[in-house]
């Protein structure tokens, strides 16, 4: 082989090596990002589960009653339904 062909082959091999290193680093970065996102997803799933438990608990009448008493909220009673008929529109 001539010196020129050896240089071309060496340049191609070098370019392929640089490309492989670049691809390996990209794959590694993507793997780390997937791990981070998976951990974030798990935290959010746990948070949703916890919030659903809290919502269920807060919908219970005894919990509502305790909050009303603790906050000293005066609840209004529903007005009695009126027996009077409304006049028919003309």
N, C-alpha and C. Protein backbone atom coordinates (compact mmCIF):
# COMPACT_ATOMS: atom_id res chain seq x y z
N UNK A 1 0.84 -1.18 0.00
CA UNK A 1 0.00 0.00 0.00
C UNK A 1 0.89 1.24 0.00
N UNK A 2 0.35 2.23 -0.59
CA UNK A 2 1.11 3.46 -0.61
C UNK A 2 0.86 4.23 0.67
N UNK A 3 1.68 5.19 0.89
CA UNK A 3 1.58 6.01 2.11
C UNK A 3 0.24 6.76 2.14
N UNK A 4 -0.23 7.17 0.99
CA UNK A 4 -1.50 7.92 0.92
C UNK A 4 -2.67 7.03 1.33
N UNK A 5 -2.70 5.79 0.88
CA UNK A 5 -3.78 4.87 1.25
C UNK A 5 -3.73 4.56 2.75
N UNK A 6 -2.55 4.41 3.30
CA UNK A 6 -2.42 4.17 4.74
C UNK A 6 -2.97 5.35 5.54
N UNK A 7 -2.71 6.55 5.09
CA UNK A 7 -3.21 7.74 5.79
C UNK A 7 -4.74 7.83 5.70
N UNK A 8 -5.29 7.47 4.55
CA UNK A 8 -6.75 7.48 4.39
C UNK A 8 -7.38 6.43 5.29
N UNK A 9 -6.83 5.24 5.33
CA UNK A 9 -7.35 4.18 6.19
C UNK A 9 -7.22 4.59 7.65
N UNK A 10 -6.09 5.17 8.03
CA UNK A 10 -5.90 5.62 9.41
C UNK A 10 -6.90 6.72 9.77
N UNK A 11 -7.16 7.64 8.84
CA UNK A 11 -8.12 8.71 9.09
C UNK A 11 -9.53 8.14 9.25
N UNK A 12 -9.89 7.15 8.43
CA UNK A 12 -11.21 6.52 8.55
C UNK A 12 -11.34 5.77 9.87
N UNK A 13 -10.31 5.04 10.24
CA UNK A 13 -10.33 4.31 11.52
C UNK A 13 -10.43 5.31 12.67
N UNK A 14 -9.68 6.39 12.60
CA UNK A 14 -9.75 7.42 13.64
C UNK A 14 -11.12 8.06 13.72
N UNK A 15 -11.72 8.36 12.57
CA UNK A 15 -13.06 8.95 12.55
C UNK A 15 -14.08 7.98 13.14
N UNK A 16 -13.95 6.70 12.81
CA UNK A 16 -14.86 5.70 13.37
C UNK A 16 -14.69 5.60 14.88
N UNK A 17 -13.44 5.67 15.36
CA UNK A 17 -13.19 5.61 16.80
C UNK A 17 -13.81 6.81 17.51
N UNK A 18 -13.65 8.00 16.93
CA UNK A 18 -14.26 9.20 17.52
C UNK A 18 -15.78 9.06 17.53
N UNK A 19 -16.36 8.57 16.47
CA UNK A 19 -17.81 8.38 16.39
C UNK A 19 -18.28 7.39 17.46
N UNK A 20 -17.56 6.29 17.62
CA UNK A 20 -17.95 5.30 18.62
C UNK A 20 -17.88 5.87 20.04
N UNK A 21 -16.84 6.63 20.32
CA UNK A 21 -16.72 7.26 21.65
C UNK A 21 -17.87 8.24 21.86
N UNK A 22 -18.18 9.03 20.84
CA UNK A 22 -19.29 9.98 20.92
C UNK A 22 -20.61 9.25 21.18
N UNK A 23 -20.88 8.19 20.44
CA UNK A 23 -22.13 7.43 20.62
C UNK A 23 -22.19 6.79 21.99
N UNK A 24 -21.06 6.29 22.47
CA UNK A 24 -21.04 5.67 23.81
C UNK A 24 -21.37 6.72 24.88
N UNK A 25 -20.81 7.92 24.73
CA UNK A 25 -21.10 8.96 25.72
C UNK A 25 -22.56 9.38 25.65
N UNK A 26 -23.14 9.45 24.46
CA UNK A 26 -24.56 9.79 24.33
C UNK A 26 -25.44 8.73 24.97
N UNK A 27 -25.12 7.48 24.72
CA UNK A 27 -25.90 6.38 25.29
C UNK A 27 -25.81 6.41 26.81
N UNK A 28 -24.62 6.68 27.34
CA UNK A 28 -24.45 6.75 28.79
C UNK A 28 -25.27 7.90 29.37
N UNK A 29 -25.24 9.07 28.71
CA UNK A 29 -26.02 10.22 29.17
C UNK A 29 -27.51 9.92 29.16
N UNK A 30 -27.97 9.28 28.11
CA UNK A 30 -29.39 8.92 28.01
C UNK A 30 -29.76 7.94 29.12
N UNK A 31 -28.88 7.00 29.41
CA UNK A 31 -29.13 6.05 30.49
C UNK A 31 -29.27 6.74 31.84
N UNK A 32 -28.40 7.71 32.11
CA UNK A 32 -28.50 8.46 33.36
C UNK A 32 -29.80 9.25 33.42
N UNK A 33 -30.18 9.83 32.30
CA UNK A 33 -31.42 10.61 32.26
C UNK A 33 -32.64 9.72 32.49
N UNK A 34 -32.61 8.53 31.92
CA UNK A 34 -33.72 7.58 32.13
C UNK A 34 -33.81 7.21 33.61
N UNK A 35 -32.66 7.01 34.24
CA UNK A 35 -32.65 6.68 35.67
C UNK A 35 -33.24 7.83 36.49
N UNK A 36 -32.82 9.05 36.18
CA UNK A 36 -33.36 10.22 36.90
C UNK A 36 -34.87 10.32 36.73
N UNK A 37 -35.34 10.16 35.50
CA UNK A 37 -36.77 10.28 35.24
C UNK A 37 -37.56 9.15 35.90
N UNK A 38 -36.98 7.97 35.95
CA UNK A 38 -37.66 6.84 36.62
C UNK A 38 -37.79 7.12 38.12
N UNK A 39 -36.74 7.68 38.72
CA UNK A 39 -36.81 8.01 40.14
C UNK A 39 -37.84 9.11 40.38
N UNK A 40 -37.87 10.10 39.50
CA UNK A 40 -38.85 11.18 39.63
C UNK A 40 -40.27 10.63 39.47
N UNK A 41 -40.46 9.71 38.53
CA UNK A 41 -41.77 9.11 38.33
C UNK A 41 -42.21 8.37 39.59
N UNK A 42 -41.30 7.61 40.19
CA UNK A 42 -41.65 6.86 41.40
C UNK A 42 -42.03 7.80 42.54
N UNK A 43 -41.30 8.92 42.68
CA UNK A 43 -41.65 9.90 43.72
C UNK A 43 -43.04 10.47 43.47
N UNK A 44 -43.35 10.77 42.21
CA UNK A 44 -44.65 11.33 41.89
C UNK A 44 -45.77 10.32 42.10
N UNK A 45 -45.52 9.06 41.77
CA UNK A 45 -46.52 8.01 42.01
C UNK A 45 -46.78 7.88 43.51
N UNK A 46 -45.72 7.91 44.31
CA UNK A 46 -45.89 7.84 45.77
C UNK A 46 -46.65 9.06 46.29
N UNK A 47 -46.36 10.22 45.72
CA UNK A 47 -47.04 11.44 46.15
C UNK A 47 -48.53 11.37 45.79
N UNK A 48 -48.86 10.89 44.61
CA UNK A 48 -50.26 10.75 44.20
C UNK A 48 -50.98 9.78 45.13
N UNK A 49 -50.33 8.67 45.44
CA UNK A 49 -50.93 7.69 46.34
C UNK A 49 -51.21 8.32 47.71
N UNK A 50 -50.25 9.06 48.22
CA UNK A 50 -50.41 9.72 49.51
C UNK A 50 -51.54 10.75 49.47
N UNK A 51 -51.60 11.52 48.40
CA UNK A 51 -52.66 12.53 48.27
C UNK A 51 -54.03 11.88 48.13
N UNK A 52 -54.12 10.76 47.46
CA UNK A 52 -55.41 10.06 47.34
C UNK A 52 -55.88 9.57 48.70
N UNK A 53 -54.95 9.09 49.51
CA UNK A 53 -55.31 8.66 50.87
C UNK A 53 -55.81 9.86 51.67
N UNK A 54 -55.12 10.99 51.52
CA UNK A 54 -55.52 12.20 52.25
C UNK A 54 -56.89 12.68 51.79
N UNK A 55 -57.16 12.65 50.50
CA UNK A 55 -58.47 13.07 49.98
C UNK A 55 -59.57 12.17 50.52
N UNK A 56 -59.32 10.88 50.52
CA UNK A 56 -60.31 9.93 51.05
C UNK A 56 -60.59 10.22 52.52
N UNK A 57 -59.53 10.49 53.27
CA UNK A 57 -59.68 10.78 54.70
C UNK A 57 -60.46 12.08 54.90
N UNK A 58 -60.16 13.09 54.11
CA UNK A 58 -60.80 14.38 54.29
C UNK A 58 -62.27 14.38 53.86
N UNK A 59 -62.69 13.40 53.08
CA UNK A 59 -64.09 13.30 52.68
C UNK A 59 -64.95 12.62 53.75
N UNK A 60 -64.35 12.09 54.78
CA UNK A 60 -65.11 11.40 55.82
C UNK A 60 -65.84 12.42 56.69
N UNK A 61 -67.12 12.18 56.95
CA UNK A 61 -67.92 13.15 57.71
C UNK A 61 -67.36 13.48 59.09
N UNK A 62 -66.81 12.49 59.80
CA UNK A 62 -66.29 12.78 61.14
C UNK A 62 -65.07 13.70 61.07
N UNK A 63 -64.26 13.57 60.04
CA UNK A 63 -63.11 14.45 59.88
C UNK A 63 -63.59 15.87 59.56
N UNK A 64 -64.61 15.97 58.70
CA UNK A 64 -65.17 17.28 58.38
C UNK A 64 -65.74 17.93 59.62
N UNK A 65 -66.45 17.15 60.42
CA UNK A 65 -67.05 17.69 61.65
C UNK A 65 -65.96 18.18 62.61
N UNK A 66 -64.89 17.43 62.75
CA UNK A 66 -63.80 17.86 63.63
C UNK A 66 -63.15 19.15 63.14
N UNK A 67 -63.00 19.28 61.83
CA UNK A 67 -62.43 20.51 61.27
C UNK A 67 -63.37 21.70 61.52
N UNK A 68 -64.66 21.47 61.35
CA UNK A 68 -65.64 22.53 61.59
C UNK A 68 -65.57 22.99 63.03
N UNK A 69 -65.50 22.03 63.95
CA UNK A 69 -65.41 22.37 65.37
C UNK A 69 -64.09 23.06 65.70
N UNK A 70 -63.01 22.58 65.14
CA UNK A 70 -61.70 23.15 65.42
C UNK A 70 -61.60 24.58 64.90
N UNK A 71 -62.17 24.83 63.73
CA UNK A 71 -62.10 26.16 63.13
C UNK A 71 -63.25 27.07 63.57
N UNK A 72 -64.15 26.50 64.37
CA UNK A 72 -65.32 27.25 64.88
C UNK A 72 -66.12 27.89 63.76
N UNK A 73 -66.43 27.08 62.78
CA UNK A 73 -67.21 27.55 61.64
C UNK A 73 -68.68 27.33 61.93
N UNK A 74 -69.47 28.38 61.74
CA UNK A 74 -70.92 28.25 61.90
C UNK A 74 -71.48 27.83 60.55
N UNK A 75 -72.02 26.63 60.52
CA UNK A 75 -72.61 26.15 59.27
C UNK A 75 -74.05 26.61 59.20
N UNK A 76 -74.44 27.05 58.06
CA UNK A 76 -75.82 27.48 57.86
C UNK A 76 -76.66 26.26 57.54
N UNK A 77 -77.86 26.27 58.04
CA UNK A 77 -78.78 25.19 57.71
C UNK A 77 -79.43 25.51 56.36
N UNK A 78 -79.77 24.47 55.66
CA UNK A 78 -80.44 24.66 54.37
C UNK A 78 -81.81 25.26 54.61
N UNK A 79 -82.21 26.22 53.81
CA UNK A 79 -83.54 26.82 54.00
C UNK A 79 -84.63 25.79 53.72
N UNK A 80 -85.72 25.95 54.44
CA UNK A 80 -86.86 25.06 54.24
C UNK A 80 -87.45 25.34 52.87
N UNK A 81 -87.84 24.30 52.17
CA UNK A 81 -88.44 24.54 50.85
C UNK A 81 -89.78 25.26 51.01
N UNK A 82 -90.01 26.20 50.14
CA UNK A 82 -91.23 27.00 50.19
C UNK A 82 -92.36 26.23 49.50
N UNK A 83 -93.54 26.32 50.08
CA UNK A 83 -94.69 25.64 49.50
C UNK A 83 -95.43 26.54 48.52
N UNK A 84 -95.05 27.81 48.49
CA UNK A 84 -95.73 28.74 47.59
C UNK A 84 -95.28 28.46 46.16
N UNK A 85 -96.24 28.56 45.27
CA UNK A 85 -95.94 28.37 43.86
C UNK A 85 -95.55 29.73 43.27
N UNK A 86 -94.61 29.67 42.40
CA UNK A 86 -94.21 30.89 41.71
C UNK A 86 -95.27 31.21 40.66
N UNK A 87 -95.51 32.50 40.45
CA UNK A 87 -96.51 32.84 39.43
C UNK A 87 -96.02 32.41 38.06
N UNK A 88 -96.96 31.97 37.27
CA UNK A 88 -96.62 31.51 35.91
C UNK A 88 -96.22 32.71 35.06
N UNK A 89 -95.19 32.57 34.27
CA UNK A 89 -94.79 33.71 33.40
C UNK A 89 -95.85 33.96 32.34
N UNK A 90 -96.03 35.23 32.03
CA UNK A 90 -97.08 35.61 31.07
C UNK A 90 -96.48 35.96 29.74
